[in-house]
Amino acid sequence: MLGSVDTLFGLKIVTSPEAYTVTPDAALARSPARARRRFASGKRKTLPLRRTPTAVRYGDCLIVHPDIYAKIRKELPQRVNFYDC
């Protein structure tokens, strides 16, 4: 599902709530180093997964998570016209 389309510095920005990276979170395990090592070696253990918002560039299109898009909009100076960048 894609959201709004905008432009910034010549790139089309498309927001998508599915734009995230999934990584195992071994920090919640009793022994985090051992849990990471076992996961990397292919042992079947259930680790909680962490979803981190991300941005991906495809040519002149930037697909971003809405949280990242909000940070971009907030951190841009107010005097700069967002649509003319």
N, C-alpha and C. Protein backbone atom coordinates (compact mmCIF):
# COMPACT_ATOMS: atom_id res chain seq x y z
N MET A 1 0.85 -1.16 0.00
CA MET A 1 0.00 0.00 0.00
C MET A 1 0.91 1.24 0.00
N LEU A 2 0.72 2.10 -0.96
CA LEU A 2 1.52 3.30 -1.07
C LEU A 2 0.72 4.51 -0.65
N GLY A 3 1.42 5.47 -0.07
CA GLY A 3 0.77 6.68 0.41
C GLY A 3 0.99 7.83 -0.53
N SER A 4 1.25 9.00 0.04
CA SER A 4 1.36 10.22 -0.74
C SER A 4 2.64 10.24 -1.56
N VAL A 5 2.61 11.00 -2.65
CA VAL A 5 3.77 11.19 -3.51
C VAL A 5 4.17 12.65 -3.43
N ASP A 6 5.44 12.92 -3.20
CA ASP A 6 5.97 14.26 -3.06
C ASP A 6 7.33 14.29 -3.72
N THR A 7 7.92 15.46 -3.91
CA THR A 7 9.26 15.55 -4.46
C THR A 7 10.16 16.33 -3.51
N LEU A 8 11.42 15.95 -3.48
CA LEU A 8 12.42 16.61 -2.65
C LEU A 8 13.77 16.43 -3.33
N PHE A 9 14.42 17.53 -3.67
CA PHE A 9 15.73 17.51 -4.32
C PHE A 9 15.73 16.65 -5.58
N GLY A 10 14.65 16.69 -6.33
CA GLY A 10 14.56 15.94 -7.57
C GLY A 10 14.15 14.49 -7.41
N LEU A 11 13.94 14.03 -6.21
CA LEU A 11 13.51 12.65 -5.96
C LEU A 11 12.03 12.62 -5.64
N LYS A 12 11.33 11.66 -6.22
CA LYS A 12 9.93 11.46 -5.86
C LYS A 12 9.92 10.69 -4.55
N ILE A 13 9.20 11.20 -3.58
CA ILE A 13 9.09 10.53 -2.28
C ILE A 13 7.72 9.88 -2.19
N VAL A 14 7.74 8.57 -1.96
CA VAL A 14 6.52 7.79 -1.81
C VAL A 14 6.53 7.20 -0.41
N THR A 15 5.49 7.44 0.36
CA THR A 15 5.41 6.87 1.70
C THR A 15 4.71 5.52 1.65
N SER A 16 5.23 4.59 2.42
CA SER A 16 4.65 3.27 2.48
C SER A 16 4.82 2.71 3.90
N PRO A 17 3.73 2.30 4.54
CA PRO A 17 3.85 1.74 5.89
C PRO A 17 4.59 0.40 5.91
N GLU A 18 4.78 -0.23 4.76
CA GLU A 18 5.50 -1.50 4.70
C GLU A 18 7.00 -1.32 4.54
N ALA A 19 7.49 -0.08 4.53
CA ALA A 19 8.92 0.19 4.36
C ALA A 19 9.62 0.06 5.71
N TYR A 20 10.02 -1.14 6.05
CA TYR A 20 10.76 -1.38 7.28
C TYR A 20 11.68 -2.58 7.08
N THR A 21 12.69 -2.67 7.94
CA THR A 21 13.63 -3.77 7.94
C THR A 21 13.32 -4.64 9.15
N VAL A 22 13.29 -5.96 8.95
CA VAL A 22 13.01 -6.89 10.03
C VAL A 22 14.32 -7.55 10.46
N THR A 23 14.67 -7.42 11.74
CA THR A 23 15.87 -8.04 12.29
C THR A 23 15.52 -8.75 13.58
N PRO A 24 16.19 -9.86 13.87
CA PRO A 24 15.93 -10.53 15.15
C PRO A 24 16.48 -9.70 16.30
N ASP A 25 15.73 -9.64 17.39
CA ASP A 25 16.11 -8.85 18.56
C ASP A 25 16.55 -9.80 19.67
N ALA A 26 17.85 -10.03 19.76
CA ALA A 26 18.38 -10.95 20.76
C ALA A 26 18.55 -10.29 22.11
N ALA A 27 18.33 -8.99 22.19
CA ALA A 27 18.53 -8.28 23.45
C ALA A 27 17.57 -8.75 24.54
N LEU A 28 16.44 -9.31 24.15
CA LEU A 28 15.46 -9.77 25.14
C LEU A 28 15.77 -11.17 25.66
N ALA A 29 16.74 -11.85 25.06
CA ALA A 29 17.09 -13.20 25.49
C ALA A 29 17.90 -13.17 26.78
N ARG A 30 17.95 -14.31 27.46
CA ARG A 30 18.72 -14.39 28.70
C ARG A 30 20.22 -14.21 28.42
N SER A 31 20.68 -14.76 27.29
CA SER A 31 22.08 -14.63 26.88
C SER A 31 22.10 -14.09 25.45
N PRO A 32 22.13 -12.76 25.28
CA PRO A 32 22.02 -12.17 23.94
C PRO A 32 23.11 -12.62 22.96
N ALA A 33 24.35 -12.72 23.40
CA ALA A 33 25.43 -13.13 22.50
C ALA A 33 25.22 -14.55 22.01
N ARG A 34 24.84 -15.42 22.91
CA ARG A 34 24.60 -16.81 22.54
C ARG A 34 23.39 -16.92 21.61
N ALA A 35 22.36 -16.14 21.88
CA ALA A 35 21.17 -16.16 21.02
C ALA A 35 21.51 -15.69 19.61
N ARG A 36 22.31 -14.62 19.49
CA ARG A 36 22.72 -14.15 18.15
C ARG A 36 23.56 -15.20 17.43
N ARG A 37 24.47 -15.83 18.16
CA ARG A 37 25.33 -16.86 17.56
C ARG A 37 24.51 -18.05 17.08
N ARG A 38 23.57 -18.50 17.89
CA ARG A 38 22.73 -19.64 17.49
C ARG A 38 21.84 -19.28 16.30
N PHE A 39 21.32 -18.05 16.29
CA PHE A 39 20.47 -17.63 15.17
C PHE A 39 21.29 -17.58 13.88
N ALA A 40 22.54 -17.06 13.96
CA ALA A 40 23.39 -16.95 12.78
C ALA A 40 23.79 -18.32 12.24
N SER A 41 23.94 -19.31 13.13
CA SER A 41 24.34 -20.63 12.68
C SER A 41 23.17 -21.45 12.15
N GLY A 42 21.96 -20.94 12.27
CA GLY A 42 20.80 -21.62 11.70
C GLY A 42 20.02 -22.46 12.68
N LYS A 43 20.35 -22.39 13.95
CA LYS A 43 19.59 -23.14 14.95
C LYS A 43 18.19 -22.55 15.04
N ARG A 44 17.21 -23.42 15.14
CA ARG A 44 15.82 -22.97 15.18
C ARG A 44 15.46 -22.53 16.59
N LYS A 45 15.50 -21.25 16.82
CA LYS A 45 15.06 -20.67 18.08
C LYS A 45 14.12 -19.52 17.75
N THR A 46 13.16 -19.31 18.59
CA THR A 46 12.23 -18.23 18.39
C THR A 46 12.79 -16.96 19.03
N LEU A 47 13.10 -16.00 18.19
CA LEU A 47 13.56 -14.70 18.67
C LEU A 47 12.52 -13.66 18.28
N PRO A 48 12.26 -12.70 19.15
CA PRO A 48 11.36 -11.63 18.76
C PRO A 48 11.97 -10.81 17.62
N LEU A 49 11.14 -10.37 16.71
CA LEU A 49 11.61 -9.60 15.57
C LEU A 49 11.37 -8.13 15.79
N ARG A 50 12.35 -7.31 15.42
CA ARG A 50 12.25 -5.87 15.54
C ARG A 50 12.05 -5.28 14.15
N ARG A 51 11.04 -4.45 14.00
CA ARG A 51 10.77 -3.76 12.73
C ARG A 51 11.27 -2.33 12.83
N THR A 52 12.25 -2.01 11.98
CA THR A 52 12.87 -0.69 11.99
C THR A 52 12.45 0.06 10.73
N PRO A 53 11.86 1.24 10.85
CA PRO A 53 11.50 2.02 9.65
C PRO A 53 12.74 2.29 8.80
N THR A 54 12.57 2.24 7.49
CA THR A 54 13.70 2.43 6.59
C THR A 54 13.28 3.19 5.34
N ALA A 55 14.25 3.54 4.54
CA ALA A 55 14.03 4.20 3.26
C ALA A 55 14.83 3.46 2.20
N VAL A 56 14.24 3.31 1.01
CA VAL A 56 14.88 2.61 -0.08
C VAL A 56 14.80 3.49 -1.32
N ARG A 57 15.92 3.59 -2.05
CA ARG A 57 15.93 4.40 -3.27
C ARG A 57 15.93 3.49 -4.49
N TYR A 58 14.99 3.74 -5.40
CA TYR A 58 14.90 3.05 -6.68
C TYR A 58 14.94 4.11 -7.78
N GLY A 59 16.11 4.31 -8.38
CA GLY A 59 16.25 5.31 -9.43
C GLY A 59 15.98 6.70 -8.89
N ASP A 60 14.95 7.36 -9.43
CA ASP A 60 14.61 8.70 -8.95
C ASP A 60 13.45 8.69 -7.96
N CYS A 61 13.18 7.53 -7.38
CA CYS A 61 12.08 7.38 -6.42
C CYS A 61 12.64 6.95 -5.07
N LEU A 62 12.15 7.56 -4.01
CA LEU A 62 12.55 7.24 -2.65
C LEU A 62 11.32 6.74 -1.91
N ILE A 63 11.33 5.47 -1.50
CA ILE A 63 10.22 4.89 -0.76
C ILE A 63 10.58 4.92 0.71
N VAL A 64 9.80 5.64 1.51
CA VAL A 64 10.11 5.84 2.93
C VAL A 64 8.94 5.45 3.80
N HIS A 65 9.26 5.12 5.04
CA HIS A 65 8.24 4.85 6.04
C HIS A 65 7.64 6.20 6.47
N PRO A 66 6.37 6.26 6.81
CA PRO A 66 5.74 7.54 7.21
C PRO A 66 6.43 8.22 8.40
N ASP A 67 7.02 7.46 9.32
CA ASP A 67 7.74 8.08 10.44
C ASP A 67 8.97 8.84 9.95
N ILE A 68 9.69 8.27 9.01
CA ILE A 68 10.87 8.93 8.45
C ILE A 68 10.44 10.16 7.65
N TYR A 69 9.34 10.04 6.92
CA TYR A 69 8.83 11.16 6.14
C TYR A 69 8.47 12.33 7.06
N ALA A 70 7.87 12.03 8.20
CA ALA A 70 7.51 13.09 9.15
C ALA A 70 8.76 13.78 9.70
N LYS A 71 9.82 13.01 9.96
CA LYS A 71 11.06 13.60 10.44
C LYS A 71 11.70 14.49 9.37
N ILE A 72 11.64 14.06 8.12
CA ILE A 72 12.19 14.87 7.02
C ILE A 72 11.44 16.19 6.94
N ARG A 73 10.12 16.13 6.97
CA ARG A 73 9.32 17.36 6.90
C ARG A 73 9.58 18.28 8.08
N LYS A 74 9.78 17.70 9.27
CA LYS A 74 9.98 18.50 10.47
C LYS A 74 11.36 19.16 10.49
N GLU A 75 12.39 18.46 10.00
CA GLU A 75 13.75 18.97 10.09
C GLU A 75 14.12 19.92 8.96
N LEU A 76 13.34 19.96 7.90
CA LEU A 76 13.63 20.92 6.83
C LEU A 76 13.33 22.34 7.32
N PRO A 77 14.17 23.29 6.95
CA PRO A 77 13.88 24.68 7.35
C PRO A 77 12.54 25.16 6.79
N GLN A 78 11.86 25.96 7.57
CA GLN A 78 10.54 26.43 7.16
C GLN A 78 10.63 27.40 5.98
N ARG A 79 11.76 28.07 5.81
CA ARG A 79 11.89 29.05 4.73
C ARG A 79 12.08 28.39 3.37
N VAL A 80 12.44 27.11 3.34
CA VAL A 80 12.62 26.40 2.07
C VAL A 80 11.27 25.86 1.62
N ASN A 81 10.94 26.15 0.37
CA ASN A 81 9.69 25.61 -0.20
C ASN A 81 9.93 24.13 -0.48
N PHE A 82 9.21 23.27 0.20
CA PHE A 82 9.41 21.83 0.10
C PHE A 82 9.20 21.32 -1.32
N TYR A 83 8.33 21.94 -2.07
CA TYR A 83 8.00 21.43 -3.39
C TYR A 83 8.96 21.93 -4.48
N ASP A 84 9.78 22.94 -4.20
CA ASP A 84 10.68 23.47 -5.20
C ASP A 84 12.13 23.04 -5.02
N CYS A 85 12.38 22.09 -4.14
CA CYS A 85 13.76 21.66 -3.88
C CYS A 85 14.33 20.93 -5.07
